[in-house]
């Protein structure tokens, strides 16, 4: 079982990713910033070093992914930081209390059996690399930070992925969502 990895995403005046657009789809937005950096590991920069900072961890276990899905994901998922992937999206989001009041098996049923979240995502691999960062148990302002990287020519496919996911029953439980588009210089 992998060890959780601490992640800090800091937005401000510095960082390898230029923020090209910010869209607030539900709830409150984030303060404006020009650039963004993702820090991995135990020593993130202090929170005062940017316009805002979001903290989370990669999960050490897969909460909603079955063994067959895990195997398929591992077989096609590409890593982050690929040279051609000069575009990215950070989508922090929170689910409603109604979502969290559901039992885990009911959330799994909504996520995959009804909404096909994992199956839809698999259709866009390996072109779109992704990382899910968990925040809810850390008391942050979001439940999840979703990070995606892709080549410029794969941006239309990424847009289609978002359109399809946002049209699912699962997305009725999203109470806050901000989408930041990024470009690496």
Protein backbone atom coordinates (compact mmCIF):
# COMPACT_ATOMS: atom_id res chain seq x y z
CA UNK A 1 0.00 0.00 0.00
CA UNK A 2 1.52 3.38 -0.97
CA UNK A 3 2.35 5.90 1.71
CA UNK A 4 0.26 9.11 1.65
CA UNK A 5 2.11 12.03 0.08
CA UNK A 6 1.57 15.51 1.52
CA UNK A 7 0.74 18.10 -1.11
CA UNK A 8 0.69 21.91 -0.84
CA UNK A 9 -0.58 23.99 -3.74
CA UNK A 10 0.39 27.64 -3.42
CA UNK A 11 -0.83 30.44 -5.67
CA UNK A 12 0.83 33.84 -5.82
CA UNK A 13 3.42 35.69 -7.88
CA UNK A 14 5.81 32.74 -8.36
CA UNK A 15 5.62 29.16 -9.55
CA UNK A 16 6.15 27.10 -12.70
CA UNK A 17 2.47 27.20 -13.71
CA UNK A 18 0.86 30.40 -15.05
CA UNK A 19 -2.83 30.70 -14.18
CA UNK A 20 -4.56 31.44 -17.49
CA UNK A 21 -8.19 31.34 -16.33
CA UNK A 22 -10.28 30.86 -13.22
CA UNK A 23 -13.94 29.78 -13.39
CA UNK A 24 -16.13 29.44 -10.33
CA UNK A 25 -18.81 26.85 -11.01
CA UNK A 26 -20.34 26.57 -7.51
CA UNK A 27 -19.81 28.35 -4.21
CA UNK A 28 -17.12 30.89 -3.40
CA UNK A 29 -14.15 31.51 -5.67
CA UNK A 30 -10.48 31.75 -4.72
CA UNK A 31 -8.51 35.03 -4.53
CA UNK A 32 -6.85 35.97 -7.81
CA UNK A 33 -3.23 35.00 -8.41
CA UNK A 34 -0.82 34.93 -11.35
CA UNK A 35 1.11 31.72 -10.80
CA UNK A 36 0.88 28.39 -9.02
CA UNK A 37 3.26 25.78 -7.58
CA UNK A 38 2.63 22.25 -6.29
CA UNK A 39 4.92 21.12 -3.49
CA UNK A 40 5.22 17.45 -2.56
CA UNK A 41 6.51 16.15 0.73
CA UNK A 42 6.79 17.11 4.37
CA UNK A 43 8.05 20.69 4.07
CA UNK A 44 5.57 22.87 2.17
CA UNK A 45 6.25 26.61 2.06
CA UNK A 46 4.62 28.64 4.81
CA UNK A 47 0.99 29.63 4.10
CA UNK A 48 1.87 33.34 3.97
CA UNK A 49 4.08 32.87 0.91
CA UNK A 50 1.27 33.33 -1.61
CA UNK A 51 -2.25 34.58 -2.29
CA UNK A 52 -3.63 31.26 -1.06
CA UNK A 53 -2.53 27.75 -0.19
CA UNK A 54 -4.43 24.46 -0.33
CA UNK A 55 -3.17 21.40 1.59
CA UNK A 56 -4.00 17.75 1.11
CA UNK A 57 -2.66 14.23 0.87
CA UNK A 58 -2.74 11.54 -1.73
CA UNK A 59 -4.68 8.66 -0.29
CA UNK A 60 -2.92 5.52 0.83
CA UNK A 61 -5.96 3.43 -0.12
CA UNK A 62 -8.48 3.61 -2.91
CA UNK A 63 -11.88 4.34 -1.37
CA UNK A 64 -14.12 3.91 -4.38
CA UNK A 65 -11.97 1.99 -6.87
CA UNK A 66 -12.49 -1.74 -7.38
CA UNK A 67 -9.64 -4.14 -8.15
CA UNK A 68 -10.46 -4.37 -11.87
CA UNK A 69 -10.58 -0.58 -12.15
CA UNK A 70 -7.34 -0.21 -10.19
CA UNK A 71 -5.57 -2.63 -12.53
CA UNK A 72 -6.90 -0.86 -15.64
CA UNK A 73 -5.91 2.57 -14.26
CA UNK A 74 -2.39 1.36 -13.43
CA UNK A 75 -2.02 -0.05 -16.92
CA UNK A 76 -2.74 3.20 -18.77
CA UNK A 77 -2.20 6.08 -16.33
CA UNK A 78 0.78 8.29 -17.17
CA UNK A 79 2.77 10.19 -14.56
CA UNK A 80 2.71 13.90 -13.97
CA UNK A 81 5.46 16.14 -15.29
CA UNK A 82 5.65 14.72 -18.81
CA UNK A 83 7.44 17.27 -21.08
CA UNK A 84 4.59 17.52 -23.65
CA UNK A 85 2.00 18.13 -20.88
CA UNK A 86 2.37 21.89 -20.71
CA UNK A 87 -1.28 22.48 -19.81
CA UNK A 88 -2.96 21.66 -16.53
CA UNK A 89 -6.12 22.19 -14.53
CA UNK A 90 -6.58 22.40 -10.80
CA UNK A 91 -10.17 21.80 -9.73
CA UNK A 92 -10.74 22.10 -5.98
CA UNK A 93 -14.20 20.89 -5.03
CA UNK A 94 -16.40 20.03 -2.11
CA UNK A 95 -19.38 17.72 -1.91
CA UNK A 96 -22.54 18.56 0.03
CA UNK A 97 -23.30 17.24 3.49
CA UNK A 98 -25.97 15.06 1.83
CA UNK A 99 -23.12 13.27 0.01
CA UNK A 100 -21.13 12.68 3.18
CA UNK A 101 -24.22 11.45 5.04
CA UNK A 102 -24.51 8.58 2.55
CA UNK A 103 -22.88 5.29 3.49
CA UNK A 104 -19.67 4.55 1.60
CA UNK A 105 -21.33 1.84 -0.52
CA UNK A 106 -24.07 4.31 -1.52
CA UNK A 107 -21.43 6.89 -2.52
CA UNK A 108 -19.62 4.20 -4.53
CA UNK A 109 -22.89 3.30 -6.29
CA UNK A 110 -23.50 6.95 -7.21
CA UNK A 111 -19.89 7.48 -8.24
CA UNK A 112 -19.43 4.49 -10.48
CA UNK A 113 -22.51 2.33 -11.01
CA UNK A 114 -24.77 5.31 -11.78
CA UNK A 115 -22.39 8.09 -12.87
CA UNK A 116 -19.59 5.93 -14.30
CA UNK A 117 -16.97 8.41 -13.00
CA UNK A 118 -14.00 6.00 -13.17
CA UNK A 119 -15.11 4.45 -16.47
CA UNK A 120 -15.45 7.88 -18.09
CA UNK A 121 -12.01 8.91 -16.81
CA UNK A 122 -10.42 5.76 -18.22
CA UNK A 123 -11.54 6.78 -21.72
CA UNK A 124 -9.22 9.82 -21.59
CA UNK A 125 -6.08 8.03 -20.40
CA UNK A 126 -3.18 8.19 -21.08
CA UNK A 127 -3.58 11.64 -22.72
CA UNK A 128 -4.83 13.22 -19.49
CA UNK A 129 -2.76 12.45 -16.40
CA UNK A 130 -4.48 12.99 -13.08
CA UNK A 131 -3.94 13.06 -9.34
CA UNK A 132 -6.64 13.12 -6.66
CA UNK A 133 -5.67 14.91 -3.45
CA UNK A 134 -7.81 14.47 -0.32
CA UNK A 135 -8.43 17.43 1.99
CA UNK A 136 -11.67 16.82 3.88
CA UNK A 137 -10.10 15.13 6.89
CA UNK A 138 -7.53 17.95 7.20
CA UNK A 139 -10.19 20.61 7.80
CA UNK A 140 -9.39 22.58 4.65
CA UNK A 141 -11.86 24.60 2.66
CA UNK A 142 -12.27 21.88 0.00
CA UNK A 143 -12.86 18.11 0.17
CA UNK A 144 -10.70 17.27 -2.86
CA UNK A 145 -8.14 18.88 -5.13
CA UNK A 146 -8.14 17.35 -8.57
CA UNK A 147 -5.03 17.95 -10.67
CA UNK A 148 -4.84 17.15 -14.38
CA UNK A 149 -1.98 17.55 -16.89
CA UNK A 150 -2.21 17.25 -20.67
CA UNK A 151 -0.62 18.41 -23.92
CA UNK A 152 -2.19 21.47 -25.62
CA UNK A 153 -3.62 19.27 -28.39
CA UNK A 154 -5.44 17.17 -25.74
CA UNK A 155 -7.27 20.13 -24.20
CA UNK A 156 -10.47 19.51 -26.25
CA UNK A 157 -10.55 15.93 -24.93
CA UNK A 158 -10.07 17.24 -21.38
CA UNK A 159 -12.95 19.69 -21.90
CA UNK A 160 -15.11 16.77 -23.05
CA UNK A 161 -14.12 14.77 -19.96
CA UNK A 162 -15.24 17.62 -17.70
CA UNK A 163 -18.49 18.09 -19.62
CA UNK A 164 -19.35 14.42 -19.25
CA UNK A 165 -18.48 14.20 -15.56
CA UNK A 166 -20.39 17.38 -14.71
CA UNK A 167 -23.50 15.95 -16.42
CA UNK A 168 -23.63 12.95 -14.06
CA UNK A 169 -25.86 12.38 -11.06
CA UNK A 170 -22.79 12.49 -8.81
CA UNK A 171 -22.23 16.15 -9.71
CA UNK A 172 -25.59 17.06 -8.16
CA UNK A 173 -23.74 16.66 -4.84
CA UNK A 174 -20.99 19.20 -5.65
CA UNK A 175 -21.45 22.25 -3.43
CA UNK A 176 -18.27 24.15 -4.33
CA UNK A 177 -16.12 23.94 -7.45
CA UNK A 178 -13.46 26.24 -8.85
CA UNK A 179 -11.61 25.45 -12.07
CA UNK A 180 -8.16 26.94 -12.68
CA UNK A 181 -6.54 26.48 -16.09
CA UNK A 182 -2.76 26.56 -16.17
CA UNK A 183 0.13 26.71 -18.62
CA UNK A 184 3.73 25.76 -17.95
CA UNK A 185 6.23 28.14 -19.54
